[in-house]
């Protein structure tokens, strides 16, 4: 089928699903494939559950009426999203980076919603499937969209920006993450820089932390709205305090956030910059940032009644781990304890990076250290070490922690959030 034919079906049935169990009335199902599943097998079930149409890419599942064959369902979904995005012409801000993407997306969206009807990426729907699904939620009523884009292998950001076609871009930072997929730090830089390259080619504009030397070095030739601590920038601010909540000094204002850590300063600055560029009043920018509260295990604070917790366990890589640790070590709090889980997808650099974290901890004055995962198990024998989070849970049940300040940080797959109820 031609993409225009598919788009006509979509316009009549503008709800898209890839889950046959989640089929609203008059929606369209796209069959996706994974290592352990084949969505084609569930196309008929999607129709039975309420979908008006289903697209499959294996001919034996098509019936020519409401279950239709296309060569590749994922590619078709992406083409449909791009066609829809170009048809509407909505202004889009694309966001990528090693750390801070989701927090920046949330803050920027919170600010924009003070003036505009804003669509933004839900959760972490930031990959080859989540990005087109986000774009297909766009309607003519949306005045602007904020689309988060993630990557774990070379060239992925370029693929996504060709679908999103952003007018503006933000790279939060470029650090060490997914090194196993990228091959090297240089590979990370090249992949993330694709957002800048696209905006350079299309005469777009970037919001850039101009104090970041890596970002500055790859930004030449692009129209830039600069933010940072230098008085020559478009937006100038500084950290007022971060013990534990970040507060930012901007003009004559102190913005008191619900975010933990000085490393969130750049994310707040990006939101201020977007707000100023888009004509939102200073008071509304401040109010939006101060009202935002993280609820996704990213720099989240919790007072359990027994302990005070900083829960930053959604993701971890050497860059974010170091930032979290340095911020925690600088806090003027008693009885500080860290619970750290393995950093995943680091490839050949994995052992070196885990050892570096252990060496940093050995020099600290922390009350206690708990390390979880096979990589940390091999990095040092100085601290409490556990192969799995379940082993740590068993230990905590027998040895409860009280009256302490804790940082919980690790890759999401380590499931460290399971220890929160014991603390």
Protein backbone atom coordinates (compact mmCIF):
# COMPACT_ATOMS: atom_id res chain seq x y z
CA UNK A 1 0.00 0.00 0.00
CA UNK A 2 1.08 3.57 -0.65
CA UNK A 3 1.71 5.71 2.41
CA UNK A 4 -1.08 8.11 1.33
CA UNK A 5 -3.59 5.25 1.42
CA UNK A 6 -2.40 4.24 4.86
CA UNK A 7 -2.59 7.86 6.00
CA UNK A 8 -6.22 8.06 4.86
CA UNK A 9 -7.01 5.06 7.06
CA UNK A 10 -5.12 6.66 9.94
CA UNK A 11 -7.01 9.96 9.59
CA UNK A 12 -10.27 8.04 10.00
CA UNK A 13 -8.84 5.92 12.84
CA UNK A 14 -6.18 8.10 14.54
CA UNK A 15 -5.40 5.79 17.45
CA UNK A 16 -2.38 3.52 16.91
CA UNK A 17 -1.44 0.49 18.99
CA UNK A 18 1.23 -2.20 18.86
CA UNK A 19 -0.33 -4.20 21.69
CA UNK A 20 -3.26 -6.47 20.79
CA UNK A 21 -4.38 -6.32 24.43
CA UNK A 22 -4.72 -2.54 24.28
CA UNK A 23 -7.07 -1.84 21.39
CA UNK A 24 -9.43 1.09 21.71
CA UNK A 25 -12.45 1.17 19.43
CA UNK A 26 -11.64 2.17 15.82
CA UNK A 27 -7.88 1.98 16.35
CA UNK A 28 -5.19 0.51 14.06
CA UNK A 29 -2.82 -2.27 15.10
CA UNK A 30 0.74 -2.53 13.76
CA UNK A 31 2.41 -5.92 14.20
CA UNK A 32 5.89 -5.58 15.71
CA UNK A 33 8.50 -8.30 16.09
CA UNK A 34 10.98 -8.93 18.87
CA UNK A 35 13.42 -11.59 19.95
CA UNK A 36 10.70 -13.60 21.68
CA UNK A 37 7.46 -12.44 20.03
CA UNK A 38 5.84 -12.01 16.62
CA UNK A 39 3.04 -9.44 16.53
CA UNK A 40 1.73 -10.86 13.27
CA UNK A 41 0.33 -13.76 15.25
CA UNK A 42 -1.88 -11.37 17.22
CA UNK A 43 -3.39 -9.35 14.36
CA UNK A 44 -6.70 -11.24 14.41
CA UNK A 45 -6.86 -10.87 18.19
CA UNK A 46 -6.38 -7.10 17.78
CA UNK A 47 -9.38 -6.97 15.44
CA UNK A 48 -11.45 -8.97 17.91
CA UNK A 49 -10.42 -6.59 20.70
CA UNK A 50 -11.65 -3.48 18.90
CA UNK A 51 -9.16 -2.45 16.20
CA UNK A 52 -10.68 -1.49 12.85
CA UNK A 53 -7.55 -2.43 10.93
CA UNK A 54 -4.31 -4.30 11.47
CA UNK A 55 -1.09 -4.16 9.48
CA UNK A 56 1.09 -7.26 9.18
CA UNK A 57 4.32 -7.98 7.31
CA UNK A 58 3.85 -11.73 6.92
CA UNK A 59 1.37 -12.48 4.13
CA UNK A 60 -0.20 -15.56 5.71
CA UNK A 61 -1.77 -13.36 8.40
CA UNK A 62 -3.38 -10.86 5.98
CA UNK A 63 -6.96 -11.19 4.80
CA UNK A 64 -7.13 -8.28 2.36
CA UNK A 65 -10.01 -6.55 4.13
CA UNK A 66 -9.16 -5.36 7.63
CA UNK A 67 -5.83 -7.18 8.10
CA UNK A 68 -3.53 -5.64 5.51
CA UNK A 69 -0.07 -6.60 4.32
CA UNK A 70 2.90 -4.20 4.14
CA UNK A 71 6.52 -5.07 3.51
CA UNK A 72 7.75 -3.97 6.94
CA UNK A 73 5.48 -2.85 9.77
CA UNK A 74 8.07 -0.84 11.70
CA UNK A 75 9.27 1.01 8.61
CA UNK A 76 5.67 1.69 7.58
CA UNK A 77 4.84 3.06 11.03
CA UNK A 78 7.87 5.34 10.87
CA UNK A 79 6.95 6.58 7.37
CA UNK A 80 3.39 7.20 8.52
CA UNK A 81 4.62 9.23 11.49
CA UNK A 82 6.93 11.32 9.32
CA UNK A 83 4.13 11.93 6.77
CA UNK A 84 1.78 13.00 9.56
CA UNK A 85 4.39 15.27 11.11
CA UNK A 86 5.05 17.00 7.78
CA UNK A 87 1.35 17.29 7.00
CA UNK A 88 0.61 19.10 10.26
CA UNK A 89 3.77 21.21 10.24
CA UNK A 90 3.82 21.55 14.04
CA UNK A 91 6.93 23.17 15.52
CA UNK A 92 9.01 20.50 17.23
CA UNK A 93 11.84 20.63 19.76
CA UNK A 94 14.00 17.51 19.57
CA UNK A 95 15.96 16.47 22.68
CA UNK A 96 18.80 13.98 22.96
CA UNK A 97 21.89 13.52 25.12
CA UNK A 98 23.60 11.00 27.37
CA UNK A 99 22.01 12.12 30.65
CA UNK A 100 19.11 14.36 31.56
CA UNK A 101 16.99 13.85 28.44
CA UNK A 102 13.81 12.90 30.24
CA UNK A 103 14.13 15.50 33.00
CA UNK A 104 14.86 18.21 30.43
CA UNK A 105 11.90 17.08 28.33
CA UNK A 106 9.64 17.22 31.38
CA UNK A 107 10.87 20.67 32.46
CA UNK A 108 10.72 22.16 28.97
CA UNK A 109 7.20 20.78 28.48
CA UNK A 110 6.08 22.12 31.86
CA UNK A 111 7.25 25.60 30.88
CA UNK A 112 5.73 25.47 27.38
CA UNK A 113 2.36 24.35 28.72
CA UNK A 114 2.05 27.68 30.51
CA UNK A 115 1.28 29.26 27.13
CA UNK A 116 0.90 26.59 24.43
CA UNK A 117 -0.99 23.38 23.74
CA UNK A 118 1.99 21.04 24.01
CA UNK A 119 2.52 17.41 23.07
CA UNK A 120 5.50 15.68 24.63
CA UNK A 121 7.04 12.23 24.86
CA UNK A 122 5.38 10.10 27.51
CA UNK A 123 7.72 8.19 29.82
CA UNK A 124 10.80 7.11 27.91
CA UNK A 125 9.15 6.40 24.53
CA UNK A 126 12.30 7.68 22.87
CA UNK A 127 13.42 4.90 20.52
CA UNK A 128 12.72 3.70 16.96
CA UNK A 129 9.19 2.65 18.00
CA UNK A 130 8.37 5.18 20.73
CA UNK A 131 9.26 8.23 18.62
CA UNK A 132 6.82 7.48 15.76
CA UNK A 133 4.10 6.57 18.26
CA UNK A 134 4.64 9.96 19.90
CA UNK A 135 4.37 11.81 16.59
CA UNK A 136 1.16 9.96 15.74
CA UNK A 137 -0.40 11.44 18.88
CA UNK A 138 -0.05 14.91 17.33
CA UNK A 139 -3.26 16.71 16.40
CA UNK A 140 -3.96 20.03 14.71
CA UNK A 141 -4.69 21.48 18.15
CA UNK A 142 -1.10 21.08 19.33
CA UNK A 143 0.91 24.26 18.90
CA UNK A 144 4.30 22.72 19.73
CA UNK A 145 5.79 19.31 20.50
CA UNK A 146 8.76 18.15 22.56
CA UNK A 147 10.17 14.84 21.35
CA UNK A 148 12.84 12.91 23.24
CA UNK A 149 15.25 10.76 21.22
CA UNK A 150 17.54 8.10 22.67
CA UNK A 151 20.21 5.94 21.11
CA UNK A 152 22.33 2.92 21.95
CA UNK A 153 24.05 2.28 18.62
CA UNK A 154 25.74 4.36 15.88
CA UNK A 155 23.51 6.30 13.50
CA UNK A 156 20.33 5.94 15.55
CA UNK A 157 19.82 9.65 16.24
CA UNK A 158 20.15 10.44 12.53
CA UNK A 159 17.45 7.87 11.79
CA UNK A 160 15.16 9.43 14.39
CA UNK A 161 15.69 13.07 13.36
CA UNK A 162 14.78 12.14 9.79
CA UNK A 163 11.41 11.01 11.15
CA UNK A 164 10.92 13.86 13.64
CA UNK A 165 12.29 16.67 11.41
CA UNK A 166 12.74 19.01 14.42
CA UNK A 167 12.83 22.80 14.11
CA UNK A 168 14.80 23.19 17.34
CA UNK A 169 17.22 20.94 19.17
CA UNK A 170 18.74 20.35 22.58
CA UNK A 171 21.65 18.04 23.34
CA UNK A 172 21.75 17.87 27.13
CA UNK A 173 25.33 16.56 27.27
CA UNK A 174 27.54 13.85 25.80
CA UNK A 175 29.03 11.30 28.17
CA UNK A 176 29.99 7.66 28.58
CA UNK A 177 26.96 5.45 28.02
CA UNK A 178 26.12 2.42 25.86
CA UNK A 179 29.80 2.12 24.99
CA UNK A 180 29.20 -1.52 24.12
CA UNK A 181 26.87 -0.42 21.31
CA UNK A 182 28.76 2.69 20.20
CA UNK A 183 32.24 1.15 20.37
CA UNK A 184 33.87 4.27 21.84
CA UNK A 185 33.19 7.68 23.33
CA UNK A 186 33.90 9.17 19.90
CA UNK A 187 31.07 7.01 18.56
CA UNK A 188 28.75 8.51 21.16
CA UNK A 189 29.74 12.04 20.15
CA UNK A 190 29.22 11.35 16.44
CA UNK A 191 25.78 9.82 17.00
CA UNK A 192 24.46 12.56 19.27
CA UNK A 193 25.87 15.27 16.99
CA UNK A 194 23.48 14.11 14.26
CA UNK A 195 20.80 16.34 15.81
CA UNK A 196 23.03 19.38 15.35
CA UNK A 197 23.94 18.26 11.83
CA UNK A 198 20.29 18.04 10.81
CA UNK A 199 19.50 21.49 12.21
CA UNK A 200 22.57 22.91 10.48
CA UNK A 201 21.34 21.46 7.17
CA UNK A 202 17.77 22.70 7.63
CA UNK A 203 18.52 26.12 9.10
CA UNK A 204 17.07 25.16 12.45
CA UNK A 205 18.08 26.46 15.86
CA UNK A 206 19.62 24.93 18.96
CA UNK A 207 19.38 25.68 22.67
CA UNK A 208 22.88 25.05 23.94
CA UNK A 209 24.73 25.00 27.23
CA UNK A 210 27.64 27.02 25.88
CA UNK A 211 29.75 26.24 28.93
CA UNK A 212 29.94 22.64 27.70
CA UNK A 213 33.09 22.48 25.61
CA UNK A 214 32.08 19.35 23.69
CA UNK A 215 28.75 20.85 22.67
CA UNK A 216 30.38 24.14 21.80
CA UNK A 217 32.92 22.38 19.57
CA UNK A 218 30.26 20.70 17.41
CA UNK A 219 27.83 23.64 17.20
CA UNK A 220 29.54 25.86 14.63
CA UNK A 221 27.38 27.12 11.80
CA UNK A 222 24.06 26.68 13.63
CA UNK A 223 21.79 29.42 14.89
CA UNK A 224 22.15 29.10 18.66
CA UNK A 225 20.30 30.35 21.74
CA UNK A 226 23.02 30.13 24.37
CA UNK A 227 22.66 29.55 28.09
CA UNK A 228 25.12 29.11 30.96
CA UNK A 229 27.08 31.13 33.48
CA UNK A 230 28.77 33.59 31.11
CA UNK A 231 27.33 37.09 31.08
CA UNK A 232 27.49 37.20 27.27
CA UNK A 233 24.93 34.40 26.82
CA UNK A 234 21.24 34.80 26.01
CA UNK A 235 20.26 33.32 29.37
CA UNK A 236 22.59 33.57 32.37
CA UNK A 237 22.12 31.81 35.69
CA UNK A 238 24.05 30.05 38.43
CA UNK A 239 23.59 27.44 41.12
CA UNK A 240 22.39 29.02 44.35
CA UNK A 241 22.26 25.81 46.41
CA UNK A 242 22.02 22.03 45.99
CA UNK A 243 21.82 20.53 49.46
CA UNK A 244 19.86 18.48 48.68
CA UNK A 245 17.37 20.31 46.43
CA UNK A 246 18.70 22.41 43.57
CA UNK A 247 17.93 26.11 43.62
CA UNK A 248 18.97 28.36 40.75
CA UNK A 249 19.76 32.07 40.80
CA UNK A 250 18.40 33.76 37.68
CA UNK A 251 18.26 37.56 37.42
CA UNK A 252 16.87 38.65 40.78
CA UNK A 253 15.00 35.38 41.23
CA UNK A 254 15.79 32.22 43.17
CA UNK A 255 14.12 29.21 41.55
CA UNK A 256 13.56 26.49 44.14
CA UNK A 257 13.22 23.13 42.41
CA UNK A 258 12.15 19.69 43.60
CA UNK A 259 15.19 18.19 41.86
CA UNK A 260 18.14 16.69 43.68
CA UNK A 261 21.65 17.54 42.57
CA UNK A 262 23.72 20.26 40.93
CA UNK A 263 23.85 18.07 37.80
CA UNK A 264 20.24 19.12 37.10
CA UNK A 265 21.32 22.75 36.65
CA UNK A 266 21.77 22.35 32.89
CA UNK A 267 18.32 20.79 32.58
CA UNK A 268 16.70 23.72 34.40
CA UNK A 269 18.69 26.16 32.27
CA UNK A 270 17.44 24.53 29.07
CA UNK A 271 13.85 24.97 30.24
CA UNK A 272 14.47 28.64 31.06
CA UNK A 273 16.06 29.19 27.64
CA UNK A 274 13.17 27.59 25.77
CA UNK A 275 10.69 29.62 27.79
CA UNK A 276 12.44 32.90 27.03
CA UNK A 277 12.77 32.09 23.34
CA UNK A 278 9.10 31.14 23.10
CA UNK A 279 7.84 34.31 24.75
CA UNK A 280 6.79 32.93 28.11
CA UNK A 281 6.97 35.39 30.99
CA UNK A 282 9.72 35.03 33.59
CA UNK A 283 7.16 34.54 36.36
CA UNK A 284 5.48 31.71 34.46
CA UNK A 285 8.85 30.06 33.74
CA UNK A 286 9.74 30.14 37.44
CA UNK A 287 6.32 28.86 38.49
CA UNK A 288 6.45 25.95 36.03
CA UNK A 289 9.91 24.82 37.12
CA UNK A 290 9.10 25.15 40.82
CA UNK A 291 5.89 23.14 40.38
CA UNK A 292 7.57 20.21 38.63
CA UNK A 293 8.13 17.16 40.83
CA UNK A 294 9.96 14.08 39.52
CA UNK A 295 8.08 10.82 40.00
CA UNK A 296 10.14 8.49 37.82
CA UNK A 297 13.08 7.47 40.06
CA UNK A 298 15.21 10.21 38.54
CA UNK A 299 16.71 12.47 41.22
CA UNK A 300 13.69 11.74 43.38
CA UNK A 301 13.69 12.53 47.11
CA UNK A 302 11.80 10.48 49.68
CA UNK A 303 11.60 10.80 53.44
CA UNK A 304 10.61 7.32 54.61
CA UNK A 305 10.27 8.32 58.26
CA UNK A 306 13.33 6.20 59.04
CA UNK A 307 15.75 7.55 56.44
CA UNK A 308 16.07 10.20 53.78
CA UNK A 309 16.51 8.73 50.31
CA UNK A 310 17.75 10.05 46.98
CA UNK A 311 16.40 7.60 44.40
CA UNK A 312 18.20 7.89 41.06
CA UNK A 313 17.88 4.29 39.93
CA UNK A 314 16.32 4.59 36.51
CA UNK A 315 19.61 4.58 34.65
CA UNK A 316 23.35 4.68 35.25
CA UNK A 317 26.52 5.21 33.27
CA UNK A 318 29.97 6.49 34.32
CA UNK A 319 29.07 10.12 33.63
CA UNK A 320 25.81 10.13 35.59
CA UNK A 321 27.23 7.92 38.37
CA UNK A 322 30.13 10.30 38.95
CA UNK A 323 27.83 13.33 38.92
CA UNK A 324 25.47 11.76 41.45
CA UNK A 325 28.26 10.62 43.73
CA UNK A 326 30.14 13.93 43.74
CA UNK A 327 26.92 15.78 44.48
CA UNK A 328 26.04 13.37 47.31
CA UNK A 329 29.53 13.49 48.82
CA UNK A 330 29.39 17.30 48.94
CA UNK A 331 26.09 17.36 50.80
CA UNK A 332 26.30 18.46 54.41
CA UNK A 333 24.38 15.49 55.80
CA UNK A 334 25.18 12.96 58.55
CA UNK A 335 25.34 9.18 58.18
CA UNK A 336 25.65 9.07 54.40
CA UNK A 337 25.29 5.68 52.72
CA UNK A 338 25.31 4.69 49.03
CA UNK A 339 23.67 1.70 47.39
CA UNK A 340 25.05 1.35 43.87
CA UNK A 341 24.17 -1.13 41.14
CA UNK A 342 26.11 -2.17 38.06
CA UNK A 343 26.34 0.18 35.07
CA UNK A 344 25.27 -1.78 31.99
CA UNK A 345 26.29 -1.79 28.32
CA UNK A 346 29.84 -0.53 28.81
CA UNK A 347 31.52 -3.29 26.81
CA UNK A 348 35.29 -3.58 27.11
CA UNK A 349 35.42 -0.50 29.38
CA UNK A 350 33.09 -2.02 31.97
CA UNK A 351 35.66 -3.24 34.52
CA UNK A 352 37.76 -0.08 34.26
CA UNK A 353 34.74 2.15 34.88
CA UNK A 354 33.48 0.11 37.85
CA UNK A 355 36.94 0.08 39.42
CA UNK A 356 37.11 3.88 39.01
CA UNK A 357 33.85 4.26 40.93
CA UNK A 358 35.10 1.93 43.67
CA UNK A 359 38.33 3.95 43.98
CA UNK A 360 36.30 7.15 44.37
CA UNK A 361 34.28 5.51 47.14
CA UNK A 362 37.41 4.29 48.93
CA UNK A 363 38.56 7.90 49.30
CA UNK A 364 35.22 9.08 50.69
CA UNK A 365 34.01 9.47 54.27
CA UNK A 366 30.76 7.60 53.72
CA UNK A 367 29.27 5.73 56.66
CA UNK A 368 28.67 2.65 54.51
CA UNK A 369 28.73 1.41 50.91
CA UNK A 370 26.65 -1.34 49.30
CA UNK A 371 27.59 -2.54 45.81
CA UNK A 372 25.27 -4.75 43.77
CA UNK A 373 25.97 -6.76 40.61
CA UNK A 374 28.68 -8.93 39.05
CA UNK A 375 30.71 -5.97 37.76
CA UNK A 376 30.96 -4.31 41.16
CA UNK A 377 31.64 -7.72 42.73
CA UNK A 378 34.94 -7.82 40.84
CA UNK A 379 35.87 -4.17 41.34
CA UNK A 380 36.78 -4.14 45.05
CA UNK A 381 36.49 -6.08 48.29
CA UNK A 382 36.33 -3.02 50.54
CA UNK A 383 32.55 -2.81 50.91
CA UNK A 384 29.36 -4.82 51.27
CA UNK A 385 28.97 -6.64 47.95
CA UNK A 386 26.03 -8.58 46.56
CA UNK A 387 25.64 -10.48 43.31
CA UNK A 388 21.95 -9.53 43.03
CA UNK A 389 19.49 -7.04 44.44
CA UNK A 390 17.54 -9.89 46.04
CA UNK A 391 20.64 -10.81 48.06
CA UNK A 392 20.86 -7.21 49.27
CA UNK A 393 17.17 -7.30 50.20
CA UNK A 394 17.75 -10.40 52.31
CA UNK A 395 20.61 -8.64 54.09
CA UNK A 396 18.57 -5.49 54.74
CA UNK A 397 15.75 -7.49 56.29
CA UNK A 398 18.19 -8.82 58.88
CA UNK A 399 20.16 -5.58 59.23
CA UNK A 400 17.76 -2.60 59.01
CA UNK A 401 19.17 0.85 58.28
CA UNK A 402 17.88 3.83 60.27
CA UNK A 403 18.62 7.53 60.72
CA UNK A 404 20.69 7.75 57.56
CA UNK A 405 20.88 9.63 54.27
CA UNK A 406 21.07 7.27 51.30
CA UNK A 407 21.81 7.56 47.59
CA UNK A 408 20.38 4.70 45.48
CA UNK A 409 21.86 4.64 41.99
CA UNK A 410 22.17 1.98 39.30
CA UNK A 411 21.01 0.79 35.90
CA UNK A 412 17.29 0.12 35.70
CA UNK A 413 17.85 -3.58 35.04
CA UNK A 414 19.38 -3.91 38.52
CA UNK A 415 15.91 -3.21 40.01
CA UNK A 416 17.33 -1.26 42.95
CA UNK A 417 13.95 0.42 43.51
CA UNK A 418 12.91 -2.88 45.16
CA UNK A 419 15.01 -1.93 48.22
CA UNK A 420 13.18 1.37 48.82
CA UNK A 421 10.38 -0.19 50.90
CA UNK A 422 13.00 -1.62 53.27
CA UNK A 423 14.56 1.76 53.93
